[in-house]
Amino acid sequence: MGSGVSKIEIQPFLKWAGGKRWLTESKQDLFPKEFGRYFEPFLGGGAVFFSLSPQVATLSDLNADLIETYAAIRDNWQAVLENLKTHHRKHSKPYYYQLRASSLRTPHTRAARFIYLNRTCWNGLYRVNLDGEFNVPIGTKTQVVLPTDNFALLSQRLANVDLRVSDFEATVNLAGEGDLVFVDPPYTVRHNYNGFVKYNERIFSWDDQVRLSESLRRASDRGCFVVATNAFHPSVQELYRNSFEISAVSRRSVIAANSLFRGKYEELLITNF
């Protein structure tokens, strides 16, 4: 059921803020061994998807450029890679800003541009201005094509994937009994930043956090497996305490729920099994 199409390890090809590669490396037993379909509504770098390698998946995000990049690798990885190699050869400060300002016409050229900017911009950050234009300055990394790249295998892994530009609720609502929902939203809390976090071009508000908790509760009631990470904060704990198992998780260890208040940990882990 939940076994992957291939057990060859594959690394996420994007660096993404809040990425969960560390979670998949330290806590493989966190996820059910067997499940039906896989749903992930805040895709980002896709570390959990690539680690679990499910046979059937629906992956979504509000970032249309991100989703288009995954689709281009799935549908035409050779063209993406050839363009990326060109960017690798030409990489320089002037070239970076020239390409950042450009508008490209085809999905594979836009995907290669997206990956190039992700790998060479400051801290792998994704940020856009009010016009929706990527505006992160150049960083220190100069390697555009990486030794870990395996675009052919990436394309295989994405072959049976439904990629969507979508609000999280629509994606979570598709999951049914025995399916796995993994959720890693922007970490808005009730009192910080006035309860708003910038999520791509849109605001992820405290109301969205409440709506997310309600959609996950309904998914749990339908018999879905639910695994979520969120901000380690009393306001978020309160949303999930009565319906889910909650514990604290850090990059160093996973702490049991009864140790929840013994120290300050990085993130909240929410499960229903």
Foldseek 3Di string as FASTA:
>chain_A
DQAAPDQDQAAQLFDFVPDCLLVCVPCVVVDDPAFDEEEEADCTSNNVCRSSRGHAYEYEHLPPLVLLLLVCLLPPVVLLVVLLVVCLVVDDQVVLVVLLPDDDDDSSNSNNNLLQCLQFFAPSYAEADLVLRTDTHGHDGRGRDDPSDDSVVSNVSCNNYHYYNDDRLVRLVVDAARYEYEYEDPAFACPPPVQWDCGRNDICGVVNLLVVLVSVLVRVVRHYKYKYKYALDPRSCVSQVPQWQKFADASVGTGHRVCSPVDDHGIMITTHD
